[in-house]
């Protein structure tokens, strides 16, 4: 072999061998509590993203509720309520369940008004 063929062969071998170098992977055990917290945070972030949608924001504003207030309500929900609402939104058929979702949000807002946690609707009286 000539000197240029050897150097070309070496360059090709080096380029192939460098493409197979893999960075080390670090794995750790995730506790059940950490997994549950990550899932709950994901549910809340999905709900907040849902209220960022233009059609949902318009529908909420038509009922007198701003998307910011709805997001604040999501923050004040219990973990179980947030999980149920996120599951309901995920399972709803596209476009068909918007009234049900808005009704659910309305009920949540109404209950928090009655409990005295917020004051969105003027027709409610707080229990406190």
C-alpha atoms as a PDB file:
ATOM      1  CA  UNK A   1       0.000   0.000   0.000  1.00  0.00           C
ATOM      2  CA  UNK A   2       1.142   3.460  -0.642  1.00  0.00           C
ATOM      3  CA  UNK A   3       1.553   6.032   2.005  1.00  0.00           C
ATOM      4  CA  UNK A   4      -1.547   8.021   0.907  1.00  0.00           C
ATOM      5  CA  UNK A   5      -3.730   4.923   0.953  1.00  0.00           C
ATOM      6  CA  UNK A   6      -2.561   4.104   4.492  1.00  0.00           C
ATOM      7  CA  UNK A   7      -3.267   7.598   5.726  1.00  0.00           C
ATOM      8  CA  UNK A   8      -6.687   7.552   4.028  1.00  0.00           C
ATOM      9  CA  UNK A   9      -7.486   4.172   5.567  1.00  0.00           C
ATOM     10  CA  UNK A  10      -6.418   5.435   9.003  1.00  0.00           C
ATOM     11  CA  UNK A  11      -8.585   8.544   8.630  1.00  0.00           C
ATOM     12  CA  UNK A  12     -11.593   6.430   7.667  1.00  0.00           C
ATOM     13  CA  UNK A  13     -11.016   4.043  10.586  1.00  0.00           C
ATOM     14  CA  UNK A  14     -10.688   6.947  13.026  1.00  0.00           C
ATOM     15  CA  UNK A  15     -13.845   8.582  11.760  1.00  0.00           C
ATOM     16  CA  UNK A  16     -15.795   5.329  12.082  1.00  0.00           C
ATOM     17  CA  UNK A  17     -14.427   4.563  15.530  1.00  0.00           C
ATOM     18  CA  UNK A  18     -15.159   8.063  16.812  1.00  0.00           C
ATOM     19  CA  UNK A  19     -18.777   7.795  15.690  1.00  0.00           C
ATOM     20  CA  UNK A  20     -19.290   4.823  17.987  1.00  0.00           C
ATOM     21  CA  UNK A  21     -18.058   6.529  21.128  1.00  0.00           C
ATOM     22  CA  UNK A  22     -20.969   6.745  23.536  1.00  0.00           C
ATOM     23  CA  UNK A  23     -21.152   9.112  26.460  1.00  0.00           C
ATOM     24  CA  UNK A  24     -21.661   7.467  29.826  1.00  0.00           C
ATOM     25  CA  UNK A  25     -25.210   7.316  31.098  1.00  0.00           C
ATOM     26  CA  UNK A  26     -26.071   8.098  34.685  1.00  0.00           C
ATOM     27  CA  UNK A  27     -29.070   6.326  36.134  1.00  0.00           C
ATOM     28  CA  UNK A  28     -30.585   6.709  39.531  1.00  0.00           C
ATOM     29  CA  UNK A  29     -33.399   5.092  41.417  1.00  0.00           C
ATOM     30  CA  UNK A  30     -36.508   7.257  41.619  1.00  0.00           C
ATOM     31  CA  UNK A  31     -38.565   6.841  44.739  1.00  0.00           C
ATOM     32  CA  UNK A  32     -42.313   6.385  44.591  1.00  0.00           C
ATOM     33  CA  UNK A  33     -42.858   9.775  46.215  1.00  0.00           C
ATOM     34  CA  UNK A  34     -40.700  11.516  43.610  1.00  0.00           C
ATOM     35  CA  UNK A  35     -42.544   9.758  40.788  1.00  0.00           C
ATOM     36  CA  UNK A  36     -45.920  10.757  42.242  1.00  0.00           C
ATOM     37  CA  UNK A  37     -44.815  14.386  42.640  1.00  0.00           C
ATOM     38  CA  UNK A  38     -43.518  14.486  39.048  1.00  0.00           C
ATOM     39  CA  UNK A  39     -46.835  13.071  37.799  1.00  0.00           C
ATOM     40  CA  UNK A  40     -48.833  15.594  39.833  1.00  0.00           C
ATOM     41  CA  UNK A  41     -46.746  18.470  38.517  1.00  0.00           C
ATOM     42  CA  UNK A  42     -47.291  17.170  34.999  1.00  0.00           C
ATOM     43  CA  UNK A  43     -51.080  17.115  35.577  1.00  0.00           C
ATOM     44  CA  UNK A  44     -51.054  20.721  36.782  1.00  0.00           C
ATOM     45  CA  UNK A  45     -48.850  21.907  33.918  1.00  0.00           C
ATOM     46  CA  UNK A  46     -51.133  20.173  31.399  1.00  0.00           C
ATOM     47  CA  UNK A  47     -54.153  21.904  32.941  1.00  0.00           C
ATOM     48  CA  UNK A  48     -52.441  25.282  32.801  1.00  0.00           C
ATOM     49  CA  UNK A  49     -51.484  24.707  29.167  1.00  0.00           C
ATOM     50  CA  UNK A  50     -55.107  23.827  28.490  1.00  0.00           C
ATOM     51  CA  UNK A  51     -56.198  27.245  29.760  1.00  0.00           C
ATOM     52  CA  UNK A  52     -53.601  28.891  27.474  1.00  0.00           C
ATOM     53  CA  UNK A  53     -55.509  27.699  24.411  1.00  0.00           C
ATOM     54  CA  UNK A  54     -57.264  30.541  22.605  1.00  0.00           C
ATOM     55  CA  UNK A  55     -60.650  28.812  22.317  1.00  0.00           C
ATOM     56  CA  UNK A  56     -60.688  27.873  25.986  1.00  0.00           C
ATOM     57  CA  UNK A  57     -59.661  31.377  27.044  1.00  0.00           C
ATOM     58  CA  UNK A  58     -62.490  32.863  24.973  1.00  0.00           C
ATOM     59  CA  UNK A  59     -65.007  30.422  26.439  1.00  0.00           C
ATOM     60  CA  UNK A  60     -63.877  31.194  29.984  1.00  0.00           C
ATOM     61  CA  UNK A  61     -64.036  34.943  29.345  1.00  0.00           C
ATOM     62  CA  UNK A  62     -67.551  34.508  27.977  1.00  0.00           C
ATOM     63  CA  UNK A  63     -68.454  33.102  31.396  1.00  0.00           C
ATOM     64  CA  UNK A  64     -66.696  35.960  33.182  1.00  0.00           C
ATOM     65  CA  UNK A  65     -63.563  34.083  34.214  1.00  0.00           C
ATOM     66  CA  UNK A  66     -60.085  35.057  33.085  1.00  0.00           C
ATOM     67  CA  UNK A  67     -57.544  32.345  32.224  1.00  0.00           C
ATOM     68  CA  UNK A  68     -55.258  33.686  34.966  1.00  0.00           C
ATOM     69  CA  UNK A  69     -57.968  33.098  37.567  1.00  0.00           C
ATOM     70  CA  UNK A  70     -58.528  29.598  36.210  1.00  0.00           C
ATOM     71  CA  UNK A  71     -54.797  28.883  36.479  1.00  0.00           C
ATOM     72  CA  UNK A  72     -54.817  30.181  40.050  1.00  0.00           C
ATOM     73  CA  UNK A  73     -57.686  27.800  40.753  1.00  0.00           C
ATOM     74  CA  UNK A  74     -55.653  24.925  39.350  1.00  0.00           C
ATOM     75  CA  UNK A  75     -52.922  25.814  41.841  1.00  0.00           C
ATOM     76  CA  UNK A  76     -55.443  25.770  44.686  1.00  0.00           C
ATOM     77  CA  UNK A  77     -56.891  22.362  43.724  1.00  0.00           C
ATOM     78  CA  UNK A  78     -56.079  19.281  45.703  1.00  0.00           C
ATOM     79  CA  UNK A  79     -53.945  16.678  43.990  1.00  0.00           C
ATOM     80  CA  UNK A  80     -56.961  14.412  43.538  1.00  0.00           C
ATOM     81  CA  UNK A  81     -59.033  17.176  41.908  1.00  0.00           C
ATOM     82  CA  UNK A  82     -56.223  18.125  39.535  1.00  0.00           C
ATOM     83  CA  UNK A  83     -55.680  14.492  38.589  1.00  0.00           C
ATOM     84  CA  UNK A  84     -59.399  13.917  37.927  1.00  0.00           C
ATOM     85  CA  UNK A  85     -59.727  17.074  35.830  1.00  0.00           C
ATOM     86  CA  UNK A  86     -56.600  16.223  33.806  1.00  0.00           C
ATOM     87  CA  UNK A  87     -57.888  12.679  33.231  1.00  0.00           C
ATOM     88  CA  UNK A  88     -61.267  14.062  32.197  1.00  0.00           C
ATOM     89  CA  UNK A  89     -59.651  16.395  29.672  1.00  0.00           C
ATOM     90  CA  UNK A  90     -57.428  13.610  28.305  1.00  0.00           C
ATOM     91  CA  UNK A  91     -60.381  11.230  27.887  1.00  0.00           C
ATOM     92  CA  UNK A  92     -62.767  13.779  26.366  1.00  0.00           C
ATOM     93  CA  UNK A  93     -63.324  13.480  22.636  1.00  0.00           C
ATOM     94  CA  UNK A  94     -61.786  16.326  20.658  1.00  0.00           C
ATOM     95  CA  UNK A  95     -64.203  19.226  20.385  1.00  0.00           C
ATOM     96  CA  UNK A  96     -67.142  17.302  21.835  1.00  0.00           C
ATOM     97  CA  UNK A  97     -66.485  17.677  25.540  1.00  0.00           C
ATOM     98  CA  UNK A  98     -65.758  21.388  25.787  1.00  0.00           C
ATOM     99  CA  UNK A  99     -69.084  22.096  27.473  1.00  0.00           C
ATOM    100  CA  UNK A 100     -68.431  19.382  30.017  1.00  0.00           C
ATOM    101  CA  UNK A 101     -64.981  20.761  30.727  1.00  0.00           C
ATOM    102  CA  UNK A 102     -66.281  24.296  31.102  1.00  0.00           C
ATOM    103  CA  UNK A 103     -69.029  23.008  33.360  1.00  0.00           C
ATOM    104  CA  UNK A 104     -66.420  21.209  35.472  1.00  0.00           C
ATOM    105  CA  UNK A 105     -64.323  24.371  35.722  1.00  0.00           C
ATOM    106  CA  UNK A 106     -67.444  26.349  36.636  1.00  0.00           C
ATOM    107  CA  UNK A 107     -68.301  23.870  39.407  1.00  0.00           C
ATOM    108  CA  UNK A 108     -64.748  23.995  40.763  1.00  0.00           C
ATOM    109  CA  UNK A 109     -64.848  27.805  40.767  1.00  0.00           C
ATOM    110  CA  UNK A 110     -68.278  27.776  42.401  1.00  0.00           C
ATOM    111  CA  UNK A 111     -67.172  25.391  45.158  1.00  0.00           C
ATOM    112  CA  UNK A 112     -64.066  27.424  45.924  1.00  0.00           C
ATOM    113  CA  UNK A 113     -66.233  30.564  46.096  1.00  0.00           C
ATOM    114  CA  UNK A 114     -68.641  28.899  48.521  1.00  0.00           C
ATOM    115  CA  UNK A 115     -65.732  27.674  50.652  1.00  0.00           C
ATOM    116  CA  UNK A 116     -64.440  31.245  50.795  1.00  0.00           C
ATOM    117  CA  UNK A 117     -61.142  30.538  49.065  1.00  0.00           C
ATOM    118  CA  UNK A 118     -61.911  32.974  46.238  1.00  0.00           C
ATOM    119  CA  UNK A 119     -64.523  35.506  45.212  1.00  0.00           C
ATOM    120  CA  UNK A 120     -65.241  35.183  41.481  1.00  0.00           C
ATOM    121  CA  UNK A 121     -69.031  35.009  41.339  1.00  0.00           C
ATOM    122  CA  UNK A 122     -71.054  37.802  42.986  1.00  0.00           C
ATOM    123  CA  UNK A 123     -74.053  35.543  43.617  1.00  0.00           C
ATOM    124  CA  UNK A 124     -72.288  33.246  46.119  1.00  0.00           C
ATOM    125  CA  UNK A 125     -71.961  33.631  49.855  1.00  0.00           C
ATOM    126  CA  UNK A 126     -68.951  32.292  51.671  1.00  0.00           C
ATOM    127  CA  UNK A 127     -69.308  29.675  54.376  1.00  0.00           C
ATOM    128  CA  UNK A 128     -66.605  31.409  56.408  1.00  0.00           C
END
